[in-house]
Every structure is written in C-alpha cells, then in structure tokens.
C-alpha cells in the first residue's frame, strides 16, 4: 500500500481490509485513505452499508490505535455522513463498471481531494461543534446535495 493519493485496486483492498481488521497504522489513516476505504466498501462490499456501519467501524478503529471518540476528537458523524454522500454522488457520475482505483482518482481530482472541502458547506464553528461530531448537522453555508 503506497498510502498516497494514487492507489491500485489491490492497495485499496488491502487498506480497507487493514482498517476493518484494526491493523492499519494510525499514520496511514489519511484523508485519501478515508475516501479510498469508503469507495472500496461502496463498490466492492455489498455486505457493508457504509452509512449505517462506518460509525461503529471508525469508532472501533480509533480506539484500536489508542484514540478516543469524544466531543473534541475521534469519530465525527457529520463529516463521515457528508463524505459518504459526496462519494456516492461522485460514483453515480462514473461508468457503472468503474474500478475503485479509477473512482478514487476521480474523487481526488475533484474538490473532495482537498481535506478542507467540508468548509465550503459548514462554518468551522458549526462543523467542529460537539453537536456535529455526535449527530448529523445540516450545513450553514450552502446545502449539501445528498
């Protein structure tokens, strides 16, 4: 796994498997790794419904690497659900037989490739609030197409 923005399908599968097994080193859980894992699950793991399952999976992973899930750190419900919605929206624009690596390349080339993309929709105070971390919180700057 190269951990960069460009990954092969095999690297994405290895990344997602390591995340699910809680064996992925914390420093590898980058912005692009979050999206690579989400895309892999969306495209190749019909047994996992990311919108339903990712909250518990991310919390478990965070704890496995010594992190905490609190009002100021760890799992963030609004960012997770917004990221999944935007990833699904992007996938819907791609050919039906798109490979995960091609989907990731398209995503990274889009505005979603910038880790600060949510701030086009949410003010920093609203998005970083304990409320937004705990439950879905609507954007306050512009609507998010979900």
C-alpha atoms as a PDB file:
ATOM      1  CA  UNK A   1       0.000   0.000   0.000  1.00  0.00           C
ATOM      2  CA  UNK A   2       1.572   3.258  -1.058  1.00  0.00           C
ATOM      3  CA  UNK A   3      -0.729   5.388   1.103  1.00  0.00           C
ATOM      4  CA  UNK A   4      -0.651   8.232  -1.413  1.00  0.00           C
ATOM      5  CA  UNK A   5      -3.442   9.711  -3.432  1.00  0.00           C
ATOM      6  CA  UNK A   6      -2.968   7.153  -6.228  1.00  0.00           C
ATOM      7  CA  UNK A   7      -3.715   3.561  -5.304  1.00  0.00           C
ATOM      8  CA  UNK A   8      -4.320   0.378  -7.224  1.00  0.00           C
ATOM      9  CA  UNK A   9      -7.411  -1.708  -6.601  1.00  0.00           C
ATOM     10  CA  UNK A  10      -5.239  -4.188  -4.703  1.00  0.00           C
ATOM     11  CA  UNK A  11      -3.830  -1.428  -2.494  1.00  0.00           C
ATOM     12  CA  UNK A  12      -7.325  -0.142  -1.801  1.00  0.00           C
ATOM     13  CA  UNK A  13      -8.498  -3.612  -0.848  1.00  0.00           C
ATOM     14  CA  UNK A  14      -5.509  -4.067   1.471  1.00  0.00           C
ATOM     15  CA  UNK A  15      -6.177  -0.668   3.031  1.00  0.00           C
ATOM     16  CA  UNK A  16      -9.865  -1.395   3.598  1.00  0.00           C
ATOM     17  CA  UNK A  17      -9.098  -4.848   4.986  1.00  0.00           C
ATOM     18  CA  UNK A  18      -6.493  -3.406   7.382  1.00  0.00           C
ATOM     19  CA  UNK A  19      -8.970  -0.733   8.503  1.00  0.00           C
ATOM     20  CA  UNK A  20     -11.682  -3.349   9.109  1.00  0.00           C
ATOM     21  CA  UNK A  21      -9.242  -5.604  10.982  1.00  0.00           C
ATOM     22  CA  UNK A  22      -7.947  -2.632  13.028  1.00  0.00           C
ATOM     23  CA  UNK A  23      -4.396  -3.370  11.871  1.00  0.00           C
ATOM     24  CA  UNK A  24      -3.917  -0.191   9.825  1.00  0.00           C
ATOM     25  CA  UNK A  25      -1.229   2.009  11.402  1.00  0.00           C
ATOM     26  CA  UNK A  26      -2.701   5.318  12.592  1.00  0.00           C
ATOM     27  CA  UNK A  27      -0.393   7.406  10.362  1.00  0.00           C
ATOM     28  CA  UNK A  28      -1.858   5.636   7.305  1.00  0.00           C
ATOM     29  CA  UNK A  29      -5.419   6.801   8.141  1.00  0.00           C
ATOM     30  CA  UNK A  30      -5.141   9.914   5.960  1.00  0.00           C
ATOM     31  CA  UNK A  31      -7.750  11.950   4.094  1.00  0.00           C
ATOM     32  CA  UNK A  32      -7.244   9.897   0.925  1.00  0.00           C
ATOM     33  CA  UNK A  33      -7.275   6.655   2.951  1.00  0.00           C
ATOM     34  CA  UNK A  34     -10.687   7.572   4.387  1.00  0.00           C
ATOM     35  CA  UNK A  35     -12.084   8.050   0.886  1.00  0.00           C
ATOM     36  CA  UNK A  36     -10.256   5.012  -0.538  1.00  0.00           C
ATOM     37  CA  UNK A  37     -11.812   2.847   2.172  1.00  0.00           C
ATOM     38  CA  UNK A  38     -15.263   4.357   1.673  1.00  0.00           C
ATOM     39  CA  UNK A  39     -15.096   3.839  -2.089  1.00  0.00           C
ATOM     40  CA  UNK A  40     -13.892   0.261  -1.691  1.00  0.00           C
ATOM     41  CA  UNK A  41     -16.771  -0.504   0.656  1.00  0.00           C
ATOM     42  CA  UNK A  42     -19.317   1.208  -1.602  1.00  0.00           C
ATOM     43  CA  UNK A  43     -18.097  -0.561  -4.746  1.00  0.00           C
ATOM     44  CA  UNK A  44     -16.903  -3.955  -3.503  1.00  0.00           C
ATOM     45  CA  UNK A  45     -18.509  -4.794  -0.161  1.00  0.00           C
ATOM     46  CA  UNK A  46     -22.290  -5.052  -0.560  1.00  0.00           C
ATOM     47  CA  UNK A  47     -22.398  -6.734   2.859  1.00  0.00           C
ATOM     48  CA  UNK A  48     -21.414  -3.416   4.459  1.00  0.00           C
ATOM     49  CA  UNK A  49     -23.684  -0.380   4.294  1.00  0.00           C
ATOM     50  CA  UNK A  50     -21.230   2.458   4.967  1.00  0.00           C
ATOM     51  CA  UNK A  51     -23.847   4.980   6.111  1.00  0.00           C
ATOM     52  CA  UNK A  52     -25.004   2.517   8.745  1.00  0.00           C
ATOM     53  CA  UNK A  53     -21.790   0.660   9.546  1.00  0.00           C
ATOM     54  CA  UNK A  54     -18.991   3.233   9.311  1.00  0.00           C
ATOM     55  CA  UNK A  55     -19.765   4.996  12.596  1.00  0.00           C
ATOM     56  CA  UNK A  56     -19.093   1.862  14.643  1.00  0.00           C
ATOM     57  CA  UNK A  57     -16.207   0.781  12.396  1.00  0.00           C
ATOM     58  CA  UNK A  58     -14.448   4.147  12.702  1.00  0.00           C
ATOM     59  CA  UNK A  59     -15.002   4.331  16.449  1.00  0.00           C
ATOM     60  CA  UNK A  60     -13.597   0.814  16.863  1.00  0.00           C
ATOM     61  CA  UNK A  61     -10.617   1.609  14.650  1.00  0.00           C
ATOM     62  CA  UNK A  62      -9.891   4.875  16.520  1.00  0.00           C
ATOM     63  CA  UNK A  63      -9.870   3.043  19.828  1.00  0.00           C
ATOM     64  CA  UNK A  64      -7.640   0.276  18.406  1.00  0.00           C
ATOM     65  CA  UNK A  65      -4.915   2.829  17.654  1.00  0.00           C
ATOM     66  CA  UNK A  66      -5.182   4.480  21.068  1.00  0.00           C
ATOM     67  CA  UNK A  67      -7.570   7.246  20.070  1.00  0.00           C
ATOM     68  CA  UNK A  68     -10.698   8.394  21.808  1.00  0.00           C
ATOM     69  CA  UNK A  69     -14.122   9.238  20.437  1.00  0.00           C
ATOM     70  CA  UNK A  70     -15.245  12.335  22.292  1.00  0.00           C
ATOM     71  CA  UNK A  71     -16.806  15.746  21.752  1.00  0.00           C
ATOM     72  CA  UNK A  72     -13.417  17.045  20.584  1.00  0.00           C
ATOM     73  CA  UNK A  73     -11.637  14.096  18.961  1.00  0.00           C
ATOM     74  CA  UNK A  74     -12.149  10.891  17.043  1.00  0.00           C
ATOM     75  CA  UNK A  75     -15.321   9.957  15.206  1.00  0.00           C
ATOM     76  CA  UNK A  76     -17.254  12.788  13.528  1.00  0.00           C
ATOM     77  CA  UNK A  77     -20.783  11.927  12.379  1.00  0.00           C
ATOM     78  CA  UNK A  78     -21.389  14.938  10.142  1.00  0.00           C
ATOM     79  CA  UNK A  79     -18.089  14.667   8.270  1.00  0.00           C
ATOM     80  CA  UNK A  80     -18.495  10.906   7.871  1.00  0.00           C
ATOM     81  CA  UNK A  81     -22.039  11.063   6.520  1.00  0.00           C
ATOM     82  CA  UNK A  82     -21.263  14.058   4.284  1.00  0.00           C
ATOM     83  CA  UNK A  83     -18.184  12.313   2.889  1.00  0.00           C
ATOM     84  CA  UNK A  84     -20.155   9.155   2.157  1.00  0.00           C
ATOM     85  CA  UNK A  85     -22.918  11.153   0.466  1.00  0.00           C
ATOM     86  CA  UNK A  86     -20.416  13.008  -1.691  1.00  0.00           C
ATOM     87  CA  UNK A  87     -18.535   9.796  -2.550  1.00  0.00           C
ATOM     88  CA  UNK A  88     -21.791   8.141  -3.629  1.00  0.00           C
ATOM     89  CA  UNK A  89     -22.714  11.232  -5.647  1.00  0.00           C
ATOM     90  CA  UNK A  90     -19.360  11.093  -7.440  1.00  0.00           C
ATOM     91  CA  UNK A  91     -19.653   7.339  -8.089  1.00  0.00           C
ATOM     92  CA  UNK A  92     -23.086   7.921  -9.639  1.00  0.00           C
ATOM     93  CA  UNK A  93     -21.440  10.141 -12.282  1.00  0.00           C
ATOM     94  CA  UNK A  94     -18.944   7.442 -13.291  1.00  0.00           C
ATOM     95  CA  UNK A  95     -19.436   4.481 -15.645  1.00  0.00           C
ATOM     96  CA  UNK A  96     -21.204   1.524 -13.967  1.00  0.00           C
ATOM     97  CA  UNK A  97     -18.141  -0.743 -14.212  1.00  0.00           C
ATOM     98  CA  UNK A  98     -15.746   1.833 -12.720  1.00  0.00           C
ATOM     99  CA  UNK A  99     -12.883   0.351 -10.756  1.00  0.00           C
ATOM    100  CA  UNK A 100     -12.305   1.535  -7.190  1.00  0.00           C
ATOM    101  CA  UNK A 101      -8.910   2.979  -8.167  1.00  0.00           C
ATOM    102  CA  UNK A 102     -10.464   4.979 -11.027  1.00  0.00           C
ATOM    103  CA  UNK A 103     -13.183   6.240  -8.683  1.00  0.00           C
ATOM    104  CA  UNK A 104     -10.535   7.296  -6.150  1.00  0.00           C
ATOM    105  CA  UNK A 105      -8.531   9.093  -8.846  1.00  0.00           C
ATOM    106  CA  UNK A 106     -11.677  10.981  -9.904  1.00  0.00           C
ATOM    107  CA  UNK A 107     -12.515  11.838  -6.313  1.00  0.00           C
ATOM    108  CA  UNK A 108      -9.004  13.076  -5.504  1.00  0.00           C
ATOM    109  CA  UNK A 109      -9.043  15.209  -8.679  1.00  0.00           C
ATOM    110  CA  UNK A 110     -12.356  16.776  -7.566  1.00  0.00           C
ATOM    111  CA  UNK A 111     -12.847  19.347  -4.789  1.00  0.00           C
ATOM    112  CA  UNK A 112     -13.228  16.390  -2.395  1.00  0.00           C
ATOM    113  CA  UNK A 113      -9.493  15.806  -2.746  1.00  0.00           C
ATOM    114  CA  UNK A 114      -8.911  18.830  -0.525  1.00  0.00           C
ATOM    115  CA  UNK A 115      -9.269  17.797   3.116  1.00  0.00           C
ATOM    116  CA  UNK A 116     -10.930  21.138   3.867  1.00  0.00           C
ATOM    117  CA  UNK A 117     -13.779  20.578   1.377  1.00  0.00           C
ATOM    118  CA  UNK A 118     -16.472  20.493   4.118  1.00  0.00           C
ATOM    119  CA  UNK A 119     -15.774  24.160   4.938  1.00  0.00           C
ATOM    120  CA  UNK A 120     -17.421  25.137   1.653  1.00  0.00           C
ATOM    121  CA  UNK A 121     -20.665  23.926   3.280  1.00  0.00           C
ATOM    122  CA  UNK A 122     -20.204  24.404   7.037  1.00  0.00           C
ATOM    123  CA  UNK A 123     -18.676  27.194   9.057  1.00  0.00           C
ATOM    124  CA  UNK A 124     -15.743  25.987  11.156  1.00  0.00           C
ATOM    125  CA  UNK A 125     -17.606  26.633  14.416  1.00  0.00           C
ATOM    126  CA  UNK A 126     -20.649  24.640  13.328  1.00  0.00           C
ATOM    127  CA  UNK A 127     -18.706  21.709  11.856  1.00  0.00           C
ATOM    128  CA  UNK A 128     -16.269  21.428  14.759  1.00  0.00           C
ATOM    129  CA  UNK A 129     -19.027  21.606  17.377  1.00  0.00           C
ATOM    130  CA  UNK A 130     -19.700  18.666  19.711  1.00  0.00           C
ATOM    131  CA  UNK A 131     -23.207  18.521  18.204  1.00  0.00           C
ATOM    132  CA  UNK A 132     -21.866  17.959  14.651  1.00  0.00           C
ATOM    133  CA  UNK A 133     -19.481  15.318  15.963  1.00  0.00           C
ATOM    134  CA  UNK A 134     -22.307  13.395  17.625  1.00  0.00           C
ATOM    135  CA  UNK A 135     -25.176  13.722  15.113  1.00  0.00           C
ATOM    136  CA  UNK A 136     -25.805  14.833  11.543  1.00  0.00           C
ATOM    137  CA  UNK A 137     -25.851  18.624  11.460  1.00  0.00           C
ATOM    138  CA  UNK A 138     -27.093  20.470   8.391  1.00  0.00           C
ATOM    139  CA  UNK A 139     -24.656  22.817   6.646  1.00  0.00           C
ATOM    140  CA  UNK A 140     -24.982  26.512   7.436  1.00  0.00           C
ATOM    141  CA  UNK A 141     -23.183  27.982   4.405  1.00  0.00           C
ATOM    142  CA  UNK A 142     -24.781  26.152   1.498  1.00  0.00           C
ATOM    143  CA  UNK A 143     -26.818  22.969   1.056  1.00  0.00           C
ATOM    144  CA  UNK A 144     -25.107  19.645   0.558  1.00  0.00           C
ATOM    145  CA  UNK A 145     -26.666  17.630  -2.250  1.00  0.00           C
ATOM    146  CA  UNK A 146     -27.351  14.260  -0.617  1.00  0.00           C
END
